[in-house]
């Protein structure tokens, strides 16, 4: 019983993606070797992992600059042209990736800058509201002091000014004398 077809798309799970990369990379390198041997073909294979690691295969090892002594000037020129074309493709891809990353970072920087401006506005607004509340609180305290009448209705009067500030002071307890235990401590409260 054979395996079913799989959908060819990026694997989301990082571990599964790495395992699949390793298995398929090894299979691809094996097929490149077999093709070079079976068909007497020149095969060159370069694989870059997502981390930037290079895996390569060259049937004649000439793509890596090795074993060039038996080549004619025309062969060397062809090899150089192929390598330059490949190198241009790699550089273009690299530049595109860097350009995309720069654009993405610029967008993120712009968004962060905009958020910073919005937060700055909110902080300023809160500071203004705070100042207004302080003015209201200070203004209401001053107006309450100005609006107090000596005889406020619905108040109990016992001969003291009810709106005068009250200062309470605690006095030290009196020392016990002659062994007569007192069960209560007397505190002296003074009204001014």
N, C-alpha and C. Protein backbone atom coordinates (compact mmCIF):
# COMPACT_ATOMS: atom_id res chain seq x y z
N UNK A 1 0.85 -1.16 0.00
CA UNK A 1 0.00 0.00 0.00
C UNK A 1 0.90 1.24 0.00
N UNK A 2 0.71 2.14 -0.95
CA UNK A 2 1.55 3.32 -1.10
C UNK A 2 1.07 4.48 -0.24
N UNK A 3 1.95 5.44 -0.14
CA UNK A 3 1.60 6.64 0.63
C UNK A 3 0.71 7.53 -0.20
N UNK A 4 -0.15 8.27 0.47
CA UNK A 4 -0.99 9.24 -0.21
C UNK A 4 -0.20 10.49 -0.56
N UNK A 5 -0.76 11.30 -1.44
CA UNK A 5 -0.10 12.55 -1.81
C UNK A 5 -0.16 13.52 -0.64
N UNK A 6 0.94 14.28 -0.51
CA UNK A 6 0.93 15.32 0.52
C UNK A 6 0.84 16.67 -0.17
N UNK A 7 0.31 17.61 0.53
CA UNK A 7 0.19 18.97 0.01
C UNK A 7 1.56 19.63 0.13
N UNK A 8 2.03 20.19 -0.97
CA UNK A 8 3.34 20.85 -0.95
C UNK A 8 3.14 22.30 -0.53
N UNK A 9 3.46 22.56 0.73
CA UNK A 9 3.42 23.90 1.29
C UNK A 9 4.35 23.91 2.49
N UNK A 10 4.62 25.09 2.99
CA UNK A 10 5.55 25.23 4.11
C UNK A 10 5.02 24.49 5.33
N UNK A 11 5.92 23.78 6.00
CA UNK A 11 5.56 23.06 7.21
C UNK A 11 5.65 24.04 8.38
N UNK A 12 4.57 24.17 9.14
CA UNK A 12 4.51 25.15 10.22
C UNK A 12 5.33 24.74 11.43
N UNK A 13 5.30 23.47 11.79
CA UNK A 13 6.02 22.99 12.97
C UNK A 13 7.52 22.98 12.68
N UNK A 14 8.30 23.68 13.49
CA UNK A 14 9.74 23.84 13.25
C UNK A 14 10.48 22.50 13.32
N UNK A 15 10.11 21.64 14.25
CA UNK A 15 10.79 20.35 14.38
C UNK A 15 10.50 19.47 13.17
N UNK A 16 9.24 19.39 12.78
CA UNK A 16 8.88 18.60 11.60
C UNK A 16 9.54 19.16 10.34
N UNK A 17 9.62 20.49 10.26
CA UNK A 17 10.25 21.12 9.10
C UNK A 17 11.73 20.74 9.01
N UNK A 18 12.43 20.73 10.16
CA UNK A 18 13.85 20.37 10.17
C UNK A 18 14.05 18.91 9.81
N UNK A 19 13.21 18.02 10.33
CA UNK A 19 13.32 16.59 10.02
C UNK A 19 13.09 16.37 8.52
N UNK A 20 12.05 17.01 7.99
CA UNK A 20 11.76 16.87 6.56
C UNK A 20 12.90 17.41 5.71
N UNK A 21 13.47 18.55 6.13
CA UNK A 21 14.60 19.13 5.38
C UNK A 21 15.76 18.15 5.34
N UNK A 22 16.11 17.57 6.49
CA UNK A 22 17.25 16.64 6.54
C UNK A 22 17.01 15.42 5.65
N UNK A 23 15.82 14.83 5.75
CA UNK A 23 15.52 13.63 4.94
C UNK A 23 15.53 13.95 3.45
N UNK A 24 14.87 15.02 3.07
CA UNK A 24 14.79 15.35 1.64
C UNK A 24 16.13 15.83 1.11
N UNK A 25 16.90 16.54 1.92
CA UNK A 25 18.24 16.97 1.49
C UNK A 25 19.11 15.77 1.19
N UNK A 26 19.10 14.79 2.09
CA UNK A 26 19.90 13.58 1.87
C UNK A 26 19.43 12.83 0.64
N UNK A 27 18.12 12.76 0.44
CA UNK A 27 17.59 12.09 -0.75
C UNK A 27 17.99 12.81 -2.02
N UNK A 28 17.97 14.13 -1.99
CA UNK A 28 18.33 14.94 -3.15
C UNK A 28 19.81 14.79 -3.48
N UNK A 29 20.66 14.80 -2.47
CA UNK A 29 22.10 14.60 -2.70
C UNK A 29 22.37 13.21 -3.27
N UNK A 30 21.66 12.20 -2.75
CA UNK A 30 21.82 10.83 -3.27
C UNK A 30 21.41 10.75 -4.73
N UNK A 31 20.29 11.37 -5.07
CA UNK A 31 19.81 11.36 -6.48
C UNK A 31 20.80 12.08 -7.39
N UNK A 32 21.40 13.19 -6.91
CA UNK A 32 22.38 13.91 -7.72
C UNK A 32 23.60 13.03 -8.00
N UNK A 33 24.08 12.30 -6.98
CA UNK A 33 25.21 11.38 -7.19
C UNK A 33 24.86 10.29 -8.18
N UNK A 34 23.67 9.70 -8.00
CA UNK A 34 23.25 8.63 -8.89
C UNK A 34 23.14 9.11 -10.33
N UNK A 35 22.58 10.30 -10.51
CA UNK A 35 22.43 10.86 -11.86
C UNK A 35 23.80 11.09 -12.51
N UNK A 36 24.74 11.59 -11.73
CA UNK A 36 26.09 11.83 -12.27
C UNK A 36 26.75 10.51 -12.68
N UNK A 37 26.59 9.47 -11.87
CA UNK A 37 27.23 8.18 -12.17
C UNK A 37 26.52 7.46 -13.31
N UNK A 38 25.20 7.34 -13.23
CA UNK A 38 24.45 6.56 -14.22
C UNK A 38 24.48 7.17 -15.61
N UNK A 39 24.40 8.50 -15.67
CA UNK A 39 24.26 9.16 -16.97
C UNK A 39 25.52 9.88 -17.42
N UNK A 40 26.61 9.74 -16.68
CA UNK A 40 27.84 10.43 -17.00
C UNK A 40 27.59 11.93 -17.22
N UNK A 41 26.80 12.50 -16.30
CA UNK A 41 26.43 13.91 -16.40
C UNK A 41 27.21 14.72 -15.36
N UNK A 42 27.42 15.98 -15.67
CA UNK A 42 28.01 16.88 -14.69
C UNK A 42 26.86 17.46 -13.87
N UNK A 43 26.91 17.17 -12.60
CA UNK A 43 25.83 17.61 -11.71
C UNK A 43 26.43 18.47 -10.61
N UNK A 44 25.83 19.60 -10.41
CA UNK A 44 26.22 20.48 -9.31
C UNK A 44 24.98 20.83 -8.51
N UNK A 45 25.06 20.70 -7.21
CA UNK A 45 23.90 20.94 -6.36
C UNK A 45 24.34 21.74 -5.15
N UNK A 46 23.67 22.83 -4.89
CA UNK A 46 23.93 23.64 -3.71
C UNK A 46 22.62 23.81 -2.96
N UNK A 47 22.63 23.53 -1.66
CA UNK A 47 21.43 23.66 -0.84
C UNK A 47 21.79 24.54 0.35
N UNK A 48 20.99 25.59 0.58
CA UNK A 48 21.17 26.44 1.74
C UNK A 48 20.00 26.19 2.68
N UNK A 49 20.31 25.86 3.92
CA UNK A 49 19.25 25.64 4.90
C UNK A 49 18.67 27.00 5.31
N UNK A 50 17.59 26.95 6.08
CA UNK A 50 16.97 28.20 6.54
C UNK A 50 17.89 28.95 7.50
N UNK A 51 18.87 28.26 8.07
CA UNK A 51 19.83 28.92 8.95
C UNK A 51 21.06 29.41 8.19
N UNK A 52 21.10 29.15 6.87
CA UNK A 52 22.19 29.64 6.04
C UNK A 52 23.32 28.64 5.86
N UNK A 53 23.16 27.42 6.35
CA UNK A 53 24.21 26.41 6.20
C UNK A 53 24.18 25.87 4.77
N UNK A 54 25.38 25.66 4.20
CA UNK A 54 25.52 25.22 2.81
C UNK A 54 25.74 23.71 2.76
N UNK A 55 24.98 23.05 1.89
CA UNK A 55 25.18 21.65 1.55
C UNK A 55 25.37 21.62 0.04
N UNK A 56 26.41 20.95 -0.42
CA UNK A 56 26.68 20.98 -1.87
C UNK A 56 27.14 19.63 -2.38
N UNK A 57 26.99 19.46 -3.69
CA UNK A 57 27.50 18.29 -4.39
C UNK A 57 27.88 18.75 -5.79
N UNK A 58 29.05 18.31 -6.20
CA UNK A 58 29.48 18.56 -7.58
C UNK A 58 30.12 17.27 -8.07
N UNK A 59 29.65 16.79 -9.21
CA UNK A 59 30.14 15.51 -9.70
C UNK A 59 31.62 15.57 -10.06
N UNK A 60 32.08 16.67 -10.60
CA UNK A 60 33.48 16.77 -10.97
C UNK A 60 34.26 17.63 -9.97
N UNK A 61 33.66 18.18 -8.94
CA UNK A 61 34.22 19.06 -7.93
C UNK A 61 34.81 20.31 -8.53
N UNK A 62 34.49 20.60 -9.83
CA UNK A 62 35.04 21.78 -10.48
C UNK A 62 34.27 23.03 -10.09
N UNK A 63 33.03 22.86 -9.69
CA UNK A 63 32.23 24.02 -9.28
C UNK A 63 32.77 24.64 -7.99
N UNK A 64 33.56 23.88 -7.27
CA UNK A 64 34.16 24.40 -6.04
C UNK A 64 35.58 24.90 -6.26
N UNK A 65 36.02 24.90 -7.53
CA UNK A 65 37.36 25.39 -7.84
C UNK A 65 38.43 24.33 -7.69
N UNK A 66 38.04 23.08 -7.60
CA UNK A 66 38.99 21.98 -7.45
C UNK A 66 39.08 21.19 -8.76
N UNK A 67 40.16 20.49 -8.95
CA UNK A 67 40.38 19.61 -10.10
C UNK A 67 40.18 20.35 -11.42
N UNK A 68 40.80 21.49 -11.57
CA UNK A 68 40.66 22.30 -12.78
C UNK A 68 41.82 22.08 -13.77
N UNK A 69 42.80 21.29 -13.40
CA UNK A 69 44.02 21.17 -14.22
C UNK A 69 43.76 20.58 -15.60
N UNK A 70 42.79 19.71 -15.79
CA UNK A 70 42.57 19.07 -17.09
C UNK A 70 41.63 19.85 -18.00
N UNK A 71 41.16 21.02 -17.60
CA UNK A 71 40.17 21.76 -18.40
C UNK A 71 40.85 22.69 -19.39
N UNK A 72 40.20 22.84 -20.55
CA UNK A 72 40.70 23.78 -21.56
C UNK A 72 40.23 25.18 -21.20
N UNK A 73 40.75 26.15 -21.93
CA UNK A 73 40.35 27.55 -21.69
C UNK A 73 38.85 27.72 -21.90
N UNK A 74 38.29 27.06 -22.91
CA UNK A 74 36.85 27.16 -23.19
C UNK A 74 36.04 26.55 -22.04
N UNK A 75 36.49 25.41 -21.51
CA UNK A 75 35.80 24.77 -20.39
C UNK A 75 35.83 25.67 -19.14
N UNK A 76 36.99 26.26 -18.91
CA UNK A 76 37.11 27.16 -17.76
C UNK A 76 36.20 28.38 -17.91
N UNK A 77 36.12 28.91 -19.14
CA UNK A 77 35.24 30.07 -19.38
C UNK A 77 33.78 29.69 -19.16
N UNK A 78 33.36 28.52 -19.64
CA UNK A 78 31.98 28.06 -19.44
C UNK A 78 31.69 27.87 -17.95
N UNK A 79 32.63 27.28 -17.24
CA UNK A 79 32.46 27.07 -15.81
C UNK A 79 32.33 28.40 -15.08
N UNK A 80 33.16 29.36 -15.44
CA UNK A 80 33.11 30.69 -14.83
C UNK A 80 31.78 31.37 -15.09
N UNK A 81 31.29 31.27 -16.34
CA UNK A 81 30.00 31.88 -16.69
C UNK A 81 28.86 31.27 -15.88
N UNK A 82 28.87 29.95 -15.75
CA UNK A 82 27.80 29.30 -14.98
C UNK A 82 27.85 29.73 -13.51
N UNK A 83 29.05 29.79 -12.98
CA UNK A 83 29.18 30.22 -11.58
C UNK A 83 28.74 31.67 -11.39
N UNK A 84 29.09 32.55 -12.35
CA UNK A 84 28.67 33.95 -12.24
C UNK A 84 27.16 34.09 -12.32
N UNK A 85 26.53 33.33 -13.20
CA UNK A 85 25.07 33.37 -13.30
C UNK A 85 24.44 32.90 -11.99
N UNK A 86 24.98 31.80 -11.45
CA UNK A 86 24.46 31.30 -10.17
C UNK A 86 24.68 32.30 -9.05
N UNK A 87 25.86 32.90 -9.04
CA UNK A 87 26.18 33.88 -8.00
C UNK A 87 25.28 35.11 -8.09
N UNK A 88 24.99 35.56 -9.33
CA UNK A 88 24.07 36.70 -9.50
C UNK A 88 22.69 36.37 -8.95
N UNK A 89 22.23 35.15 -9.23
CA UNK A 89 20.93 34.73 -8.71
C UNK A 89 20.90 34.72 -7.19
N UNK A 90 21.99 34.20 -6.59
CA UNK A 90 22.07 34.15 -5.13
C UNK A 90 22.10 35.57 -4.56
N UNK A 91 22.89 36.45 -5.18
CA UNK A 91 22.97 37.83 -4.69
C UNK A 91 21.64 38.56 -4.84
N UNK A 92 20.95 38.34 -5.95
CA UNK A 92 19.65 39.00 -6.14
C UNK A 92 18.67 38.54 -5.06
N UNK A 93 18.67 37.23 -4.80
CA UNK A 93 17.77 36.72 -3.76
C UNK A 93 18.13 37.30 -2.40
N UNK A 94 19.43 37.36 -2.12
CA UNK A 94 19.89 37.93 -0.85
C UNK A 94 19.49 39.39 -0.73
N UNK A 95 19.68 40.17 -1.79
CA UNK A 95 19.31 41.59 -1.76
C UNK A 95 17.81 41.75 -1.59
N UNK A 96 17.02 40.88 -2.23
CA UNK A 96 15.57 40.96 -2.09
C UNK A 96 15.15 40.69 -0.66
N UNK A 97 15.75 39.69 -0.05
CA UNK A 97 15.42 39.35 1.34
C UNK A 97 15.81 40.51 2.26
N UNK A 98 17.00 41.07 2.05
CA UNK A 98 17.43 42.20 2.89
C UNK A 98 16.52 43.41 2.68
N UNK A 99 16.14 43.68 1.43
CA UNK A 99 15.24 44.80 1.15
C UNK A 99 13.90 44.61 1.85
N UNK A 100 13.37 43.38 1.78
CA UNK A 100 12.09 43.09 2.44
C UNK A 100 12.21 43.27 3.96
N UNK A 101 13.32 42.80 4.52
CA UNK A 101 13.51 42.95 5.97
C UNK A 101 13.63 44.42 6.36
N UNK A 102 14.33 45.22 5.55
CA UNK A 102 14.47 46.65 5.84
C UNK A 102 13.10 47.33 5.78
N UNK A 103 12.31 47.00 4.75
CA UNK A 103 10.97 47.59 4.63
C UNK A 103 10.11 47.21 5.83
N UNK A 104 10.19 45.94 6.25
CA UNK A 104 9.41 45.49 7.39
C UNK A 104 9.84 46.21 8.67
N UNK A 105 11.15 46.36 8.85
CA UNK A 105 11.65 47.07 10.03
C UNK A 105 11.24 48.55 10.00
N UNK A 106 11.26 49.16 8.82
CA UNK A 106 10.82 50.55 8.70
C UNK A 106 9.34 50.69 9.05
N UNK A 107 8.53 49.72 8.59
CA UNK A 107 7.10 49.75 8.93
C UNK A 107 6.91 49.62 10.43
N UNK A 108 7.64 48.65 11.04
CA UNK A 108 7.52 48.47 12.48
C UNK A 108 7.97 49.72 13.23
N UNK A 109 9.08 50.32 12.76
CA UNK A 109 9.57 51.55 13.39
C UNK A 109 8.55 52.67 13.29
N UNK A 110 7.91 52.77 12.13
CA UNK A 110 6.89 53.80 11.93
C UNK A 110 5.70 53.57 12.86
N UNK A 111 5.27 52.30 12.97
CA UNK A 111 4.15 51.99 13.86
C UNK A 111 4.50 52.29 15.32
N UNK A 112 5.71 51.93 15.71
CA UNK A 112 6.13 52.20 17.08
C UNK A 112 6.20 53.71 17.34
N UNK A 113 6.69 54.44 16.35
CA UNK A 113 6.75 55.90 16.48
C UNK A 113 5.35 56.48 16.62
N UNK A 114 4.41 55.98 15.80
CA UNK A 114 3.03 56.46 15.87
C UNK A 114 2.42 56.14 17.23
N UNK A 115 2.66 54.91 17.73
CA UNK A 115 2.15 54.54 19.05
C UNK A 115 2.76 55.44 20.13
N UNK A 116 4.03 55.76 19.97
CA UNK A 116 4.70 56.63 20.93
C UNK A 116 4.05 58.01 20.94
N UNK A 117 3.72 58.54 19.78
CA UNK A 117 3.05 59.84 19.69
C UNK A 117 1.69 59.77 20.36
N UNK A 118 0.93 58.69 20.10
CA UNK A 118 -0.39 58.55 20.72
C UNK A 118 -0.28 58.46 22.24
N UNK A 119 0.70 57.69 22.72
CA UNK A 119 0.88 57.59 24.18
C UNK A 119 1.29 58.94 24.77
N UNK A 120 2.12 59.68 24.07
CA UNK A 120 2.53 61.00 24.54
C UNK A 120 1.31 61.92 24.64
N UNK A 121 0.42 61.86 23.64
CA UNK A 121 -0.80 62.67 23.68
C UNK A 121 -1.68 62.27 24.86
N UNK A 122 -1.79 60.95 25.10
CA UNK A 122 -2.62 60.49 26.22
C UNK A 122 -2.04 60.96 27.56
N UNK A 123 -0.71 60.89 27.68
CA UNK A 123 -0.07 61.35 28.92
C UNK A 123 -0.34 62.84 29.12
N UNK A 124 -0.20 63.63 28.06
CA UNK A 124 -0.47 65.07 28.16
C UNK A 124 -1.92 65.33 28.53
N UNK A 125 -2.84 64.57 27.92
CA UNK A 125 -4.26 64.73 28.22
C UNK A 125 -4.53 64.39 29.69
N UNK A 126 -3.93 63.30 30.18
CA UNK A 126 -4.12 62.93 31.58
C UNK A 126 -3.53 63.98 32.51
N UNK A 127 -2.40 64.56 32.13
CA UNK A 127 -1.81 65.62 32.96
C UNK A 127 -2.72 66.84 33.00
N UNK A 128 -3.32 67.20 31.86
CA UNK A 128 -4.25 68.33 31.83
C UNK A 128 -5.48 68.05 32.68
N UNK A 129 -6.03 66.82 32.56
CA UNK A 129 -7.18 66.46 33.37
C UNK A 129 -6.82 66.50 34.85
N UNK A 130 -5.64 66.05 35.18
CA UNK A 130 -5.17 66.08 36.56
C UNK A 130 -5.11 67.51 37.08
N UNK A 131 -4.57 68.42 36.26
CA UNK A 131 -4.50 69.83 36.66
C UNK A 131 -5.90 70.39 36.88
N UNK A 132 -6.83 70.07 35.97
CA UNK A 132 -8.21 70.56 36.11
C UNK A 132 -8.85 70.03 37.39
N UNK A 133 -8.63 68.75 37.68
CA UNK A 133 -9.19 68.18 38.91
C UNK A 133 -8.59 68.84 40.15
N UNK A 134 -7.28 69.10 40.10
CA UNK A 134 -6.64 69.77 41.22
C UNK A 134 -7.22 71.18 41.41
N UNK A 135 -7.46 71.88 40.30
CA UNK A 135 -8.06 73.22 40.39
C UNK A 135 -9.45 73.13 41.00
N UNK A 136 -10.23 72.13 40.56
CA UNK A 136 -11.59 71.98 41.08
C UNK A 136 -11.55 71.66 42.57
N UNK A 137 -10.65 70.75 42.96
CA UNK A 137 -10.56 70.39 44.37
C UNK A 137 -10.13 71.58 45.19
N UNK A 138 -9.10 72.28 44.76
CA UNK A 138 -8.63 73.46 45.48
C UNK A 138 -9.68 74.56 45.49
N UNK A 139 -10.38 74.72 44.37
CA UNK A 139 -11.43 75.74 44.28
C UNK A 139 -12.60 75.41 45.18
N UNK A 140 -12.99 74.14 45.26
CA UNK A 140 -14.13 73.78 46.10
C UNK A 140 -13.78 73.89 47.57
N UNK A 141 -12.54 73.62 47.95
CA UNK A 141 -12.13 73.79 49.34
C UNK A 141 -12.18 75.26 49.71
N UNK A 142 -11.69 76.12 48.84
CA UNK A 142 -11.72 77.56 49.11
C UNK A 142 -13.14 78.08 49.15
N UNK A 143 -14.00 77.63 48.22
CA UNK A 143 -15.38 78.13 48.21
C UNK A 143 -16.15 77.60 49.41
N UNK A 144 -15.87 76.39 49.86
CA UNK A 144 -16.53 75.86 51.05
C UNK A 144 -16.15 76.67 52.28
N UNK A 145 -14.88 77.05 52.37
CA UNK A 145 -14.46 77.86 53.51
C UNK A 145 -15.12 79.22 53.48
N UNK A 146 -15.32 79.79 52.28
CA UNK A 146 -15.94 81.11 52.18
C UNK A 146 -17.44 81.05 52.43
N UNK A 147 -18.09 79.94 52.13
CA UNK A 147 -19.54 79.84 52.24
C UNK A 147 -20.03 79.35 53.60
N UNK A 148 -19.12 79.11 54.54
CA UNK A 148 -19.55 78.61 55.85
C UNK A 148 -20.16 79.78 56.62
N UNK A 149 -21.38 79.57 57.10
CA UNK A 149 -22.03 80.59 57.92
C UNK A 149 -21.90 80.18 59.38
N UNK A 150 -21.91 81.16 60.28
CA UNK A 150 -21.74 80.81 61.69
C UNK A 150 -22.86 79.94 62.21
N UNK A 151 -24.04 80.05 61.68
CA UNK A 151 -25.18 79.25 62.13
C UNK A 151 -25.68 78.43 60.96
N UNK A 152 -25.20 77.22 60.85
CA UNK A 152 -25.64 76.34 59.78
C UNK A 152 -26.90 75.64 60.25
N UNK A 153 -27.94 75.58 59.41
CA UNK A 153 -29.16 74.88 59.84
C UNK A 153 -28.87 73.39 59.99
N UNK A 154 -29.69 72.73 60.77
CA UNK A 154 -29.60 71.30 61.04
C UNK A 154 -28.29 70.92 61.71
N UNK A 155 -27.82 71.74 62.60
CA UNK A 155 -26.61 71.38 63.33
C UNK A 155 -26.90 71.44 64.82
N UNK A 156 -26.15 70.72 65.53
CA UNK A 156 -26.28 70.69 66.99
C UNK A 156 -25.25 71.65 67.56
N UNK A 157 -25.70 72.50 68.44
CA UNK A 157 -24.79 73.47 69.02
C UNK A 157 -24.71 73.24 70.51
N UNK A 158 -23.51 73.17 71.00
CA UNK A 158 -23.33 73.01 72.45
C UNK A 158 -22.46 74.12 73.00
N UNK A 159 -22.47 75.25 72.33
CA UNK A 159 -21.73 76.39 72.80
C UNK A 159 -20.34 76.50 72.20
N UNK A 160 -19.92 75.48 71.48
CA UNK A 160 -18.61 75.53 70.84
C UNK A 160 -18.77 75.86 69.37
N UNK A 161 -17.74 76.45 68.81
CA UNK A 161 -17.75 76.72 67.37
C UNK A 161 -17.51 75.39 66.66
N UNK A 162 -18.53 74.93 65.91
CA UNK A 162 -18.44 73.62 65.28
C UNK A 162 -17.45 73.59 64.11
N UNK A 163 -17.11 74.75 63.58
CA UNK A 163 -16.21 74.78 62.43
C UNK A 163 -14.79 75.11 62.80
N UNK A 164 -14.56 75.28 64.08
CA UNK A 164 -13.20 75.57 64.52
C UNK A 164 -12.39 74.28 64.45
N UNK A 165 -11.10 74.39 64.12
CA UNK A 165 -10.29 73.17 64.07
C UNK A 165 -10.15 72.57 65.46
N UNK A 166 -10.16 71.27 65.51
CA UNK A 166 -10.06 70.56 66.78
C UNK A 166 -8.69 69.91 66.82
N UNK A 167 -8.01 70.09 67.91
CA UNK A 167 -6.70 69.48 68.08
C UNK A 167 -6.79 68.54 69.26
N UNK A 168 -6.50 67.29 69.04
CA UNK A 168 -6.54 66.29 70.10
C UNK A 168 -5.11 65.95 70.48
N UNK A 169 -4.88 65.85 71.81
CA UNK A 169 -3.56 65.47 72.28
C UNK A 169 -3.72 64.37 73.30
N UNK A 170 -2.81 63.43 73.26
CA UNK A 170 -2.82 62.37 74.26
C UNK A 170 -1.81 62.72 75.33
N UNK A 171 -2.23 62.54 76.57
CA UNK A 171 -1.29 62.77 77.67
C UNK A 171 -0.82 61.41 78.17
N UNK A 172 0.33 61.43 78.81
CA UNK A 172 0.90 60.19 79.33
C UNK A 172 0.03 59.66 80.45
N UNK A 173 -0.09 58.32 80.54
CA UNK A 173 -0.89 57.78 81.66
C UNK A 173 -0.20 58.09 82.99
N UNK A 174 -1.01 58.26 83.98
CA UNK A 174 -0.51 58.57 85.32
C UNK A 174 0.13 57.31 85.90
N UNK A 175 1.26 57.44 86.57
CA UNK A 175 1.89 56.25 87.16
C UNK A 175 1.04 55.72 88.30
N UNK A 176 1.07 54.40 88.47
CA UNK A 176 0.30 53.76 89.54
C UNK A 176 1.03 53.98 90.87
N UNK A 177 0.21 54.21 91.88
CA UNK A 177 0.81 54.43 93.20
C UNK A 177 0.17 53.53 94.23
N UNK A 178 0.91 53.18 95.27
CA UNK A 178 0.47 52.45 96.46
C UNK A 178 -0.18 51.11 96.15
N UNK A 179 0.16 50.49 95.07
CA UNK A 179 -0.32 49.15 94.79
C UNK A 179 -1.80 49.03 94.55
N UNK A 180 -2.53 50.14 94.35
CA UNK A 180 -3.95 50.02 94.03
C UNK A 180 -4.09 49.92 92.53
N UNK A 181 -4.46 48.75 92.05
CA UNK A 181 -4.54 48.60 90.59
C UNK A 181 -5.72 49.37 90.02
N UNK A 182 -5.43 50.11 89.00
CA UNK A 182 -6.52 50.79 88.29
C UNK A 182 -6.86 49.98 87.07
N UNK A 183 -8.13 49.83 86.84
CA UNK A 183 -8.54 49.02 85.70
C UNK A 183 -8.70 49.85 84.44
N UNK A 184 -8.74 51.14 84.58
CA UNK A 184 -8.89 51.99 83.40
C UNK A 184 -7.71 52.93 83.32
N UNK A 185 -7.33 53.26 82.12
CA UNK A 185 -6.28 54.23 81.88
C UNK A 185 -6.95 55.53 81.51
N UNK A 186 -6.56 56.60 82.16
CA UNK A 186 -7.16 57.87 81.86
C UNK A 186 -6.37 58.58 80.78
N UNK A 187 -7.04 59.01 79.75
CA UNK A 187 -6.41 59.79 78.67
C UNK A 187 -6.99 61.19 78.74
N UNK A 188 -6.12 62.12 78.67
CA UNK A 188 -6.59 63.49 78.71
C UNK A 188 -6.77 64.02 77.29
N UNK A 189 -7.95 64.46 76.94
CA UNK A 189 -8.24 65.04 75.64
C UNK A 189 -8.51 66.51 75.85
N UNK A 190 -7.82 67.32 75.10
CA UNK A 190 -7.99 68.77 75.23
C UNK A 190 -8.58 69.30 73.96
N UNK A 191 -9.65 70.07 74.04
CA UNK A 191 -10.25 70.74 72.89
C UNK A 191 -9.76 72.17 72.88
N UNK A 192 -9.34 72.63 71.73
CA UNK A 192 -8.91 74.02 71.64
C UNK A 192 -9.97 74.84 70.96
